[in-house]
Amino acid sequence: MPKELQPEMDGKGLRVALVVARFNEFVTRRLLEGAVETLGRHGVSDDDIVLSWVPGSFELPVVAKTLGQTGQYDAVICLGAVIRGETDHYNMVAGQAAAGISAVGRETGVPTIFGVLTTENMEQAINRAGGKSGNLGSNAAAAAIETARLVQAIKTG
C-alpha cells in the first residue's frame, strides 16, 4: 500500500492572507465572513489573518502575488464575485481572474485559492455566498488549510 499524505484540518499557527474584491461587496462580504469563520473554527488565530481589499476580481492576482512573494503567508485566499451581465466583460474578468490566481500559486509556491463566484445572476451569487448553496468563502478557507498543510507535509517529508 502506498504512503498517503493526509494533512489534518488544523489551522493553528497558519498565516493566511485574504484578498477580497470590493466590487459586488454585498456578496463578497458574505464570502469573507464565511472564510473568516471557517479559518477560526479550524484554529487560525485572528492575529494570523491579514485582509486586503481590492477594487474588483481583476485586481485579485496582483495583490495575491505580492502577498505570496513576501514569504509571510502559508496560504492566500482570493474572494470575489463576477456576475454575468449583458456584455462580454464577464468573460474577460472571470477568465483573467482565474488564470491570474492560478499562476500566483504556481509562481510563488504558496497555495493560492480561487474563491471567486462566477454566476449568471445575483440570486445565484447570494445562494453561493451563504444561501441555500453554502458559502464559497468557507469552502475556500477549508481548501487553504488543507492545501497549506499538504504542502508542509511534502516539504518535511
C-alpha atoms as a PDB file:
ATOM      1  CA  MET A   1       0.000   0.000   0.000  1.00  0.00           C
ATOM      2  CA  PRO A   2       1.474   3.422  -0.890  1.00  0.00           C
ATOM      3  CA  LYS A   3       2.169   6.017   1.744  1.00  0.00           C
ATOM      4  CA  GLU A   4      -0.659   8.534   1.661  1.00  0.00           C
ATOM      5  CA  LEU A   5      -0.218  12.103   2.799  1.00  0.00           C
ATOM      6  CA  GLN A   6      -3.290  13.118   4.760  1.00  0.00           C
ATOM      7  CA  PRO A   7      -2.986  16.601   6.189  1.00  0.00           C
ATOM      8  CA  GLU A   8      -5.005  17.409   9.269  1.00  0.00           C
ATOM      9  CA  MET A   9      -7.539  20.207   9.116  1.00  0.00           C
ATOM     10  CA  ASP A  10      -5.728  22.071  11.889  1.00  0.00           C
ATOM     11  CA  GLY A  11      -5.139  25.710  11.104  1.00  0.00           C
ATOM     12  CA  LYS A  12      -3.353  26.544  14.341  1.00  0.00           C
ATOM     13  CA  GLY A  13      -0.222  28.535  13.543  1.00  0.00           C
ATOM     14  CA  LEU A  14      -1.062  29.009   9.861  1.00  0.00           C
ATOM     15  CA  ARG A  15      -0.680  32.522   8.499  1.00  0.00           C
ATOM     16  CA  VAL A  16      -3.366  33.321   5.938  1.00  0.00           C
ATOM     17  CA  ALA A  17      -3.866  36.317   3.678  1.00  0.00           C
ATOM     18  CA  LEU A  18      -7.307  37.175   2.355  1.00  0.00           C
ATOM     19  CA  VAL A  19      -7.695  39.307  -0.766  1.00  0.00           C
ATOM     20  CA  VAL A  20     -11.275  40.407  -1.351  1.00  0.00           C
ATOM     21  CA  ALA A  21     -12.831  42.287  -4.266  1.00  0.00           C
ATOM     22  CA  ARG A  22     -14.871  45.329  -3.283  1.00  0.00           C
ATOM     23  CA  PHE A  23     -16.977  45.144  -6.476  1.00  0.00           C
ATOM     24  CA  ASN A  24     -20.213  43.287  -5.595  1.00  0.00           C
ATOM     25  CA  GLU A  25     -19.335  43.844  -1.924  1.00  0.00           C
ATOM     26  CA  PHE A  26     -22.828  42.787  -0.881  1.00  0.00           C
ATOM     27  CA  VAL A  27     -21.767  39.286  -1.959  1.00  0.00           C
ATOM     28  CA  THR A  28     -18.029  39.372  -1.268  1.00  0.00           C
ATOM     29  CA  ARG A  29     -18.511  40.469   2.333  1.00  0.00           C
ATOM     30  CA  ARG A  30     -20.580  37.307   2.893  1.00  0.00           C
ATOM     31  CA  LEU A  31     -17.785  35.240   1.334  1.00  0.00           C
ATOM     32  CA  LEU A  32     -15.318  36.955   3.656  1.00  0.00           C
ATOM     33  CA  GLU A  33     -17.463  36.211   6.705  1.00  0.00           C
ATOM     34  CA  GLY A  34     -17.666  32.548   5.715  1.00  0.00           C
ATOM     35  CA  ALA A  35     -13.909  32.340   5.202  1.00  0.00           C
ATOM     36  CA  VAL A  36     -13.010  34.018   8.496  1.00  0.00           C
ATOM     37  CA  GLU A  37     -15.490  31.873  10.429  1.00  0.00           C
ATOM     38  CA  THR A  38     -14.100  28.674   8.901  1.00  0.00           C
ATOM     39  CA  LEU A  39     -10.484  29.691   9.497  1.00  0.00           C
ATOM     40  CA  GLY A  40     -11.289  30.423  13.140  1.00  0.00           C
ATOM     41  CA  ARG A  41     -13.225  27.180  13.582  1.00  0.00           C
ATOM     42  CA  HIS A  42     -10.136  25.305  12.418  1.00  0.00           C
ATOM     43  CA  GLY A  43      -7.780  27.132  14.780  1.00  0.00           C
ATOM     44  CA  VAL A  44      -6.390  30.015  12.725  1.00  0.00           C
ATOM     45  CA  SER A  45      -5.933  32.971  15.050  1.00  0.00           C
ATOM     46  CA  ASP A  46      -7.300  36.394  14.084  1.00  0.00           C
ATOM     47  CA  ASP A  47      -3.749  37.692  14.585  1.00  0.00           C
ATOM     48  CA  ASP A  48      -2.578  35.318  11.827  1.00  0.00           C
ATOM     49  CA  ILE A  49      -5.100  36.599   9.254  1.00  0.00           C
ATOM     50  CA  VAL A  50      -4.412  39.645   7.081  1.00  0.00           C
ATOM     51  CA  LEU A  51      -7.155  41.193   4.958  1.00  0.00           C
ATOM     52  CA  SER A  52      -6.643  43.278   1.814  1.00  0.00           C
ATOM     53  CA  TRP A  53      -9.443  44.796  -0.258  1.00  0.00           C
ATOM     54  CA  VAL A  54      -9.002  45.383  -3.999  1.00  0.00           C
ATOM     55  CA  PRO A  55     -11.318  47.212  -6.419  1.00  0.00           C
ATOM     56  CA  GLY A  56     -12.530  44.102  -8.274  1.00  0.00           C
ATOM     57  CA  SER A  57     -11.805  40.487  -9.149  1.00  0.00           C
ATOM     58  CA  PHE A  58      -9.451  41.513 -11.946  1.00  0.00           C
ATOM     59  CA  GLU A  59      -7.087  43.001  -9.328  1.00  0.00           C
ATOM     60  CA  LEU A  60      -7.019  39.923  -7.084  1.00  0.00           C
ATOM     61  CA  PRO A  61      -3.985  38.220  -8.715  1.00  0.00           C
ATOM     62  CA  VAL A  62      -1.514  41.110  -8.453  1.00  0.00           C
ATOM     63  CA  VAL A  63      -2.150  41.632  -4.745  1.00  0.00           C
ATOM     64  CA  ALA A  64      -2.205  37.864  -4.110  1.00  0.00           C
ATOM     65  CA  LYS A  65       1.178  37.550  -5.841  1.00  0.00           C
ATOM     66  CA  THR A  66       2.649  40.406  -3.829  1.00  0.00           C
ATOM     67  CA  LEU A  67       1.466  38.777  -0.603  1.00  0.00           C
ATOM     68  CA  GLY A  68       2.690  35.340  -1.661  1.00  0.00           C
ATOM     69  CA  GLN A  69       6.137  36.655  -2.554  1.00  0.00           C
ATOM     70  CA  THR A  70       6.681  38.057   0.946  1.00  0.00           C
ATOM     71  CA  GLY A  71       7.119  34.560   2.401  1.00  0.00           C
ATOM     72  CA  GLN A  72       4.961  35.596   5.342  1.00  0.00           C
ATOM     73  CA  TYR A  73       1.870  33.520   4.480  1.00  0.00           C
ATOM     74  CA  ASP A  74       1.105  29.815   4.315  1.00  0.00           C
ATOM     75  CA  ALA A  75      -1.889  30.435   2.045  1.00  0.00           C
ATOM     76  CA  VAL A  76      -3.603  33.242   0.160  1.00  0.00           C
ATOM     77  CA  ILE A  77      -7.357  33.181  -0.366  1.00  0.00           C
ATOM     78  CA  CYS A  78      -8.860  35.264  -3.185  1.00  0.00           C
ATOM     79  CA  LEU A  79     -12.555  36.121  -2.893  1.00  0.00           C
ATOM     80  CA  GLY A  80     -14.677  37.860  -5.499  1.00  0.00           C
ATOM     81  CA  ALA A  81     -17.960  37.774  -7.383  1.00  0.00           C
ATOM     82  CA  VAL A  82     -18.229  38.115 -11.144  1.00  0.00           C
ATOM     83  CA  ILE A  83     -21.864  38.202 -12.195  1.00  0.00           C
ATOM     84  CA  ARG A  84     -22.752  37.875 -15.866  1.00  0.00           C
ATOM     85  CA  GLY A  85     -24.205  40.983 -17.447  1.00  0.00           C
ATOM     86  CA  GLU A  86     -25.205  41.868 -20.963  1.00  0.00           C
ATOM     87  CA  THR A  87     -21.649  42.310 -22.269  1.00  0.00           C
ATOM     88  CA  ASP A  88     -18.538  40.178 -22.768  1.00  0.00           C
ATOM     89  CA  HIS A  89     -16.895  41.928 -19.827  1.00  0.00           C
ATOM     90  CA  TYR A  90     -17.913  38.996 -17.592  1.00  0.00           C
ATOM     91  CA  ASN A  91     -15.906  36.509 -19.681  1.00  0.00           C
ATOM     92  CA  MET A  92     -12.793  38.661 -19.667  1.00  0.00           C
ATOM     93  CA  VAL A  93     -12.825  39.379 -15.932  1.00  0.00           C
ATOM     94  CA  ALA A  94     -13.691  35.834 -14.866  1.00  0.00           C
ATOM     95  CA  GLY A  95     -11.114  34.267 -17.170  1.00  0.00           C
ATOM     96  CA  GLN A  96      -8.315  36.644 -16.254  1.00  0.00           C
ATOM     97  CA  ALA A  97      -9.027  36.340 -12.527  1.00  0.00           C
ATOM     98  CA  ALA A  98      -8.939  32.538 -12.724  1.00  0.00           C
ATOM     99  CA  ALA A  99      -5.782  32.433 -14.828  1.00  0.00           C
ATOM    100  CA  GLY A 100      -4.033  35.026 -12.675  1.00  0.00           C
ATOM    101  CA  ILE A 101      -4.876  33.388  -9.365  1.00  0.00           C
ATOM    102  CA  SER A 102      -3.768  30.002 -10.682  1.00  0.00           C
ATOM    103  CA  ALA A 103      -0.471  31.493 -11.892  1.00  0.00           C
ATOM    104  CA  VAL A 104       0.203  33.065  -8.489  1.00  0.00           C
ATOM    105  CA  GLY A 105       0.180  29.686  -6.774  1.00  0.00           C
ATOM    106  CA  ARG A 106       2.495  28.165  -9.363  1.00  0.00           C
ATOM    107  CA  GLU A 107       4.885  31.127  -9.367  1.00  0.00           C
ATOM    108  CA  THR A 108       5.142  31.633  -5.601  1.00  0.00           C
ATOM    109  CA  GLY A 109       4.686  28.084  -4.329  1.00  0.00           C
ATOM    110  CA  VAL A 110       2.145  29.427  -1.850  1.00  0.00           C
ATOM    111  CA  PRO A 111      -1.301  27.821  -2.044  1.00  0.00           C
ATOM    112  CA  THR A 112      -3.463  30.493  -3.665  1.00  0.00           C
ATOM    113  CA  ILE A 113      -7.125  29.630  -3.515  1.00  0.00           C
ATOM    114  CA  PHE A 114      -9.709  30.637  -6.128  1.00  0.00           C
ATOM    115  CA  GLY A 115     -12.783  31.741  -4.198  1.00  0.00           C
ATOM    116  CA  VAL A 116     -14.370  33.787  -6.956  1.00  0.00           C
ATOM    117  CA  LEU A 117     -18.023  33.246  -7.722  1.00  0.00           C
ATOM    118  CA  THR A 118     -18.879  33.253 -11.420  1.00  0.00           C
ATOM    119  CA  THR A 119     -22.638  33.292 -11.691  1.00  0.00           C
ATOM    120  CA  GLU A 120     -25.369  34.126 -14.150  1.00  0.00           C
ATOM    121  CA  ASN A 121     -27.220  36.460 -11.781  1.00  0.00           C
ATOM    122  CA  MET A 122     -27.295  37.985  -8.307  1.00  0.00           C
ATOM    123  CA  GLU A 123     -29.647  35.319  -6.957  1.00  0.00           C
ATOM    124  CA  GLN A 124     -27.117  32.578  -7.771  1.00  0.00           C
ATOM    125  CA  ALA A 125     -24.351  34.645  -6.195  1.00  0.00           C
ATOM    126  CA  ILE A 126     -26.294  35.130  -2.972  1.00  0.00           C
ATOM    127  CA  ASN A 127     -27.124  31.427  -2.843  1.00  0.00           C
ATOM    128  CA  ARG A 128     -23.408  30.578  -3.090  1.00  0.00           C
ATOM    129  CA  ALA A 129     -22.374  33.219  -0.553  1.00  0.00           C
ATOM    130  CA  GLY A 130     -24.124  31.789   2.471  1.00  0.00           C
ATOM    131  CA  GLY A 131     -27.534  30.995   1.000  1.00  0.00           C
ATOM    132  CA  LYS A 132     -29.011  27.614   0.182  1.00  0.00           C
ATOM    133  CA  SER A 133     -25.947  26.503  -1.810  1.00  0.00           C
ATOM    134  CA  GLY A 134     -23.440  27.023   1.016  1.00  0.00           C
ATOM    135  CA  ASN A 135     -20.649  29.565   1.177  1.00  0.00           C
ATOM    136  CA  LEU A 136     -17.766  29.512  -1.302  1.00  0.00           C
ATOM    137  CA  GLY A 137     -15.720  31.625   1.121  1.00  0.00           C
ATOM    138  CA  SER A 138     -15.978  28.875   3.719  1.00  0.00           C
ATOM    139  CA  ASN A 139     -15.032  26.257   1.123  1.00  0.00           C
ATOM    140  CA  ALA A 140     -12.042  28.347   0.047  1.00  0.00           C
ATOM    141  CA  ALA A 141     -10.828  28.653   3.637  1.00  0.00           C
ATOM    142  CA  ALA A 142     -11.050  24.890   4.157  1.00  0.00           C
ATOM    143  CA  ALA A 143      -9.151  24.344   0.892  1.00  0.00           C
ATOM    144  CA  ALA A 144      -6.477  26.809   2.032  1.00  0.00           C
ATOM    145  CA  ILE A 145      -5.905  24.966   5.311  1.00  0.00           C
ATOM    146  CA  GLU A 146      -5.816  21.545   3.681  1.00  0.00           C
ATOM    147  CA  THR A 147      -3.522  22.637   0.848  1.00  0.00           C
ATOM    148  CA  ALA A 148      -1.152  24.564   3.132  1.00  0.00           C
ATOM    149  CA  ARG A 149      -0.842  21.541   5.424  1.00  0.00           C
ATOM    150  CA  LEU A 150      -0.284  19.230   2.456  1.00  0.00           C
ATOM    151  CA  VAL A 151       2.481  21.458   1.089  1.00  0.00           C
ATOM    152  CA  GLN A 152       4.087  21.497   4.548  1.00  0.00           C
ATOM    153  CA  ALA A 153       3.854  17.689   4.770  1.00  0.00           C
ATOM    154  CA  ILE A 154       5.525  17.319   1.371  1.00  0.00           C
ATOM    155  CA  LYS A 155       8.339  19.709   2.319  1.00  0.00           C
ATOM    156  CA  THR A 156       9.037  17.999   5.641  1.00  0.00           C
ATOM    157  CA  GLY A 157       8.936  14.518   4.140  1.00  0.00           C
END
